[in-house]
Amino acid sequence: MPNHRAERRASVLDPVERVSEVVFGLLMALAITGSLSVASAGREEVRTMMFAALGCNVAWGLVDGIMYLVQTLTERTRALSLVARVHATPGIEAAHALIADELPGEFGSDSDPAVLEALRQRLLALPEPSAMPRLRREDYAGAFGVFLLVVLSTFPVVIPFVFIDTLALALRVSHFVSVSMLFAGGWMLAQHSGGSRWMGGLALAAVGTALAVAIAALGG
């Protein structure tokens, strides 16, 4: 609905978005660190890997940030378009059908006519859009937040290589930190959704690890 995006953006990024961006950055960094050969890699290869991981996540953080703005503007345009269409639709049943189409999944098809009518009245109470939607300050803050999350998620993965000279040990520590972060992300998602936090943490740790292995096997 028209105010849904604004309400959901009250804290710039919701927990699902924050965890998703961190996991994305982690997987990209893990795909690059996983390419190191313990048997043959030297300090120069490690340094190259660290810069490659950071550069990759800077690039993808930029892409994700821009796509965040595109998504935000698209959803806002769609919401305002719904307001305009409801205002322009004379028949109550036709307006109900428009609103039901915008509701997720079974909520639309199974909505009570009284609920749809209440939503229609709420939409009619809003002024008709007179201009194209624009991006706001909080939207740019959200895009910057996306960028930062992807980039900053690189550092826990590569920092062990800065302080630990033994490559095999640095890899193990890096992987342990990454899996711990995946577990924490799953814990947060489960807490947000009301599910089992231990199950959520273990599930995301397992899925994230499997994805990292698959990404590395496919060439990153």
Protein backbone atom coordinates (compact mmCIF):
# COMPACT_ATOMS: atom_id res chain seq x y z
CA MET A 1 0.00 0.00 0.00
CA PRO A 2 1.16 3.61 -0.49
CA ASN A 3 2.47 4.11 3.06
CA HIS A 4 3.95 0.63 3.38
CA ARG A 5 7.35 1.50 1.98
CA ALA A 6 7.70 4.62 4.13
CA GLU A 7 6.72 2.73 7.26
CA ARG A 8 9.05 -0.14 6.46
CA ARG A 9 11.90 2.31 5.85
CA ALA A 10 11.49 4.01 9.23
CA SER A 11 14.89 2.66 10.28
CA VAL A 12 16.37 3.11 6.75
CA LEU A 13 17.00 -0.64 6.35
CA ASP A 14 14.96 -3.38 8.00
CA PRO A 15 16.64 -6.42 9.62
CA VAL A 16 16.09 -8.65 6.58
CA GLU A 17 17.77 -6.14 4.29
CA ARG A 18 20.68 -5.60 6.67
CA VAL A 19 21.36 -9.31 7.08
CA SER A 20 20.93 -9.95 3.35
CA GLU A 21 23.51 -7.33 2.39
CA VAL A 22 26.03 -8.59 4.95
CA VAL A 23 25.57 -12.18 3.79
CA PHE A 24 26.00 -11.11 0.17
CA GLY A 25 29.25 -9.32 0.99
CA LEU A 26 30.47 -12.29 3.02
CA LEU A 27 29.82 -14.73 0.18
CA MET A 28 31.64 -12.55 -2.33
CA ALA A 29 34.65 -12.23 -0.03
CA LEU A 30 34.64 -15.96 0.78
CA ALA A 31 34.59 -16.82 -2.90
CA ILE A 32 37.84 -14.89 -3.35
CA THR A 33 39.59 -16.06 -0.18
CA GLY A 34 38.64 -19.61 -1.08
CA SER A 35 40.68 -19.34 -4.26
CA LEU A 36 43.95 -19.16 -2.28
CA SER A 37 46.17 -22.21 -2.41
CA VAL A 38 47.65 -23.04 0.99
CA ALA A 39 50.48 -24.91 -0.69
CA SER A 40 51.66 -22.21 -3.10
CA ALA A 41 50.31 -18.81 -2.06
CA GLY A 42 52.81 -16.27 -0.69
CA ARG A 43 52.41 -12.85 0.88
CA GLU A 44 52.06 -11.19 -2.52
CA GLU A 45 49.18 -13.53 -3.46
CA VAL A 46 47.54 -12.88 -0.12
CA ARG A 47 47.84 -9.12 -0.61
CA THR A 48 46.37 -9.43 -4.11
CA MET A 49 43.51 -11.50 -2.72
CA MET A 50 42.72 -8.90 -0.06
CA PHE A 51 42.57 -6.06 -2.56
CA ALA A 52 40.52 -8.20 -4.94
CA ALA A 53 38.00 -9.02 -2.20
CA LEU A 54 37.68 -5.38 -1.19
CA GLY A 55 37.45 -4.19 -4.81
CA CYS A 56 34.81 -6.78 -5.62
CA ASN A 57 32.63 -5.75 -2.70
CA VAL A 58 33.07 -2.04 -3.39
CA ALA A 59 31.83 -2.67 -6.93
CA TRP A 60 28.92 -4.84 -5.83
CA GLY A 61 28.08 -2.51 -2.98
CA LEU A 62 27.76 0.29 -5.53
CA VAL A 63 25.56 -1.87 -7.75
CA ASP A 64 23.39 -2.92 -4.81
CA GLY A 65 23.04 0.66 -3.63
CA ILE A 66 21.91 1.86 -7.04
CA MET A 67 19.48 -1.05 -7.40
CA TYR A 68 18.10 -0.17 -3.97
CA LEU A 69 17.23 3.29 -5.31
CA VAL A 70 15.71 1.78 -8.45
CA GLN A 71 13.58 -0.60 -6.37
CA THR A 72 12.49 2.18 -4.02
CA LEU A 73 11.46 4.46 -6.87
CA THR A 74 9.68 1.62 -8.68
CA GLU A 75 7.66 0.66 -5.61
CA ARG A 76 6.79 4.26 -4.84
CA THR A 77 5.64 4.81 -8.44
CA ARG A 78 3.52 1.66 -8.26
CA ALA A 79 1.93 2.80 -4.99
CA LEU A 80 1.05 6.23 -6.37
CA SER A 81 -0.26 4.61 -9.53
CA LEU A 82 -2.62 2.52 -7.41
CA VAL A 83 -3.93 5.65 -5.70
CA ALA A 84 -4.56 7.26 -9.09
CA ARG A 85 -6.28 4.17 -10.49
CA VAL A 86 -8.55 3.78 -7.46
CA HIS A 87 -9.55 7.45 -7.78
CA ALA A 88 -10.29 6.91 -11.46
CA THR A 89 -12.27 3.67 -11.02
CA PRO A 90 -16.01 4.37 -10.57
CA GLY A 91 -17.13 0.84 -9.74
CA ILE A 92 -16.61 -0.46 -6.21
CA GLU A 93 -16.01 -4.05 -7.31
CA ALA A 94 -13.47 -2.96 -9.93
CA ALA A 95 -11.63 -0.92 -7.30
CA HIS A 96 -11.67 -3.90 -4.95
CA ALA A 97 -10.12 -6.03 -7.68
CA LEU A 98 -7.36 -3.46 -8.18
CA ILE A 99 -6.57 -3.43 -4.48
CA ALA A 100 -6.70 -7.22 -4.16
CA ASP A 101 -4.15 -7.55 -6.98
CA GLU A 102 -1.72 -5.44 -4.96
CA LEU A 103 -2.00 -7.54 -1.83
CA PRO A 104 0.52 -10.36 -1.39
CA GLY A 105 -0.43 -13.95 -2.17
CA GLU A 106 -3.57 -15.29 -0.56
CA PHE A 107 -4.28 -12.01 1.20
CA GLY A 108 -5.59 -10.62 -2.07
CA SER A 109 -7.68 -13.55 -3.25
CA ASP A 110 -9.13 -14.29 0.21
CA SER A 111 -9.68 -10.73 1.43
CA ASP A 112 -13.09 -9.94 2.84
CA PRO A 113 -15.00 -7.31 0.81
CA ALA A 114 -15.32 -5.22 3.97
CA VAL A 115 -11.52 -5.16 4.31
CA LEU A 116 -11.10 -4.20 0.66
CA GLU A 117 -13.69 -1.47 1.06
CA ALA A 118 -11.88 -0.07 4.09
CA LEU A 119 -8.68 0.02 2.05
CA ARG A 120 -10.50 1.68 -0.84
CA GLN A 121 -11.83 4.39 1.44
CA ARG A 122 -8.37 4.93 2.85
CA LEU A 123 -6.93 5.30 -0.66
CA LEU A 124 -9.71 7.65 -1.71
CA ALA A 125 -8.91 9.82 1.31
CA LEU A 126 -5.42 10.36 -0.08
CA PRO A 127 -4.94 13.19 -2.58
CA GLU A 128 -4.53 12.19 -6.20
CA PRO A 129 -0.84 12.18 -7.21
CA SER A 130 -0.01 15.37 -9.06
CA ALA A 131 3.64 14.68 -9.83
CA MET A 132 6.06 11.85 -10.43
CA PRO A 133 7.54 10.36 -7.25
CA ARG A 134 11.02 11.43 -6.26
CA LEU A 135 13.76 9.94 -4.17
CA ARG A 136 14.10 11.35 -0.66
CA ARG A 137 17.00 11.89 1.70
CA GLU A 138 16.26 8.67 3.58
CA ASP A 139 16.34 6.74 0.30
CA TYR A 140 19.89 7.90 -0.39
CA ALA A 141 20.76 7.09 3.22
CA GLY A 142 19.41 3.58 2.65
CA ALA A 143 21.44 3.17 -0.53
CA PHE A 144 24.58 4.33 1.28
CA GLY A 145 23.76 1.90 4.09
CA VAL A 146 23.54 -0.94 1.57
CA PHE A 147 26.91 0.07 0.12
CA LEU A 148 28.55 0.22 3.55
CA LEU A 149 27.18 -3.14 4.67
CA VAL A 150 28.51 -4.92 1.60
CA VAL A 151 31.92 -3.26 1.83
CA LEU A 152 32.35 -3.58 5.60
CA SER A 153 31.44 -7.27 5.50
CA THR A 154 34.72 -7.79 3.63
CA PHE A 155 36.94 -6.86 6.56
CA PRO A 156 36.12 -9.67 9.03
CA VAL A 157 36.95 -12.15 6.26
CA VAL A 158 40.32 -10.65 5.30
CA ILE A 159 41.60 -9.23 8.61
CA PRO A 160 42.97 -12.62 9.77
CA PHE A 161 45.37 -12.53 6.80
CA VAL A 162 46.77 -9.22 8.06
CA PHE A 163 47.67 -10.45 11.55
CA ILE A 164 48.34 -14.15 11.00
CA ASP A 165 51.41 -15.12 8.97
CA THR A 166 50.56 -18.80 8.62
CA LEU A 167 48.20 -19.01 5.66
CA ALA A 168 46.48 -22.25 6.72
CA LEU A 169 45.70 -20.82 10.16
CA ALA A 170 44.56 -17.49 8.69
CA LEU A 171 42.16 -19.35 6.38
CA ARG A 172 40.71 -21.35 9.26
CA VAL A 173 40.22 -18.24 11.38
CA SER A 174 38.69 -16.38 8.43
CA HIS A 175 36.26 -19.23 7.77
CA PHE A 176 35.37 -19.49 11.45
CA VAL A 177 34.60 -15.76 11.62
CA SER A 178 32.54 -15.97 8.43
CA VAL A 179 30.48 -18.93 9.64
CA SER A 180 29.96 -17.16 12.98
CA MET A 181 28.67 -14.09 11.16
CA LEU A 182 26.33 -16.25 9.07
CA PHE A 183 25.04 -17.87 12.25
CA ALA A 184 24.49 -14.44 13.82
CA GLY A 185 22.63 -13.32 10.70
CA GLY A 186 20.35 -16.34 10.83
CA TRP A 187 19.78 -15.74 14.56
CA MET A 188 18.72 -12.14 13.82
CA LEU A 189 16.38 -13.18 11.00
CA ALA A 190 14.73 -15.82 13.20
CA GLN A 191 14.37 -13.30 16.02
CA HIS A 192 12.79 -10.83 13.59
CA SER A 193 10.33 -13.43 12.24
CA GLY A 194 9.53 -15.08 15.56
CA GLY A 195 11.10 -18.42 14.66
CA SER A 196 13.67 -20.57 16.44
CA ARG A 197 16.87 -18.52 16.73
CA TRP A 198 19.13 -21.55 17.03
CA MET A 199 17.54 -23.21 14.00
CA GLY A 200 17.72 -19.95 12.05
CA GLY A 201 21.38 -19.46 12.89
CA LEU A 202 22.36 -23.02 12.03
CA ALA A 203 20.33 -23.00 8.82
CA LEU A 204 21.86 -19.78 7.49
CA ALA A 205 25.35 -20.91 8.50
CA ALA A 206 24.86 -24.17 6.60
CA VAL A 207 23.24 -22.59 3.54
CA GLY A 208 25.77 -19.76 3.42
CA THR A 209 28.70 -22.17 3.64
CA ALA A 210 27.24 -24.32 0.86
CA LEU A 211 26.72 -21.24 -1.30
CA ALA A 212 30.28 -20.04 -0.71
CA VAL A 213 31.63 -23.44 -1.77
CA ALA A 214 29.42 -23.45 -4.86
CA ILE A 215 30.44 -19.90 -5.83
CA ALA A 216 34.13 -20.77 -5.46
CA ALA A 217 33.67 -23.99 -7.46
CA LEU A 218 31.95 -22.06 -10.25
CA GLY A 219 34.80 -19.56 -10.46
CA GLY A 220 33.42 -16.80 -8.21
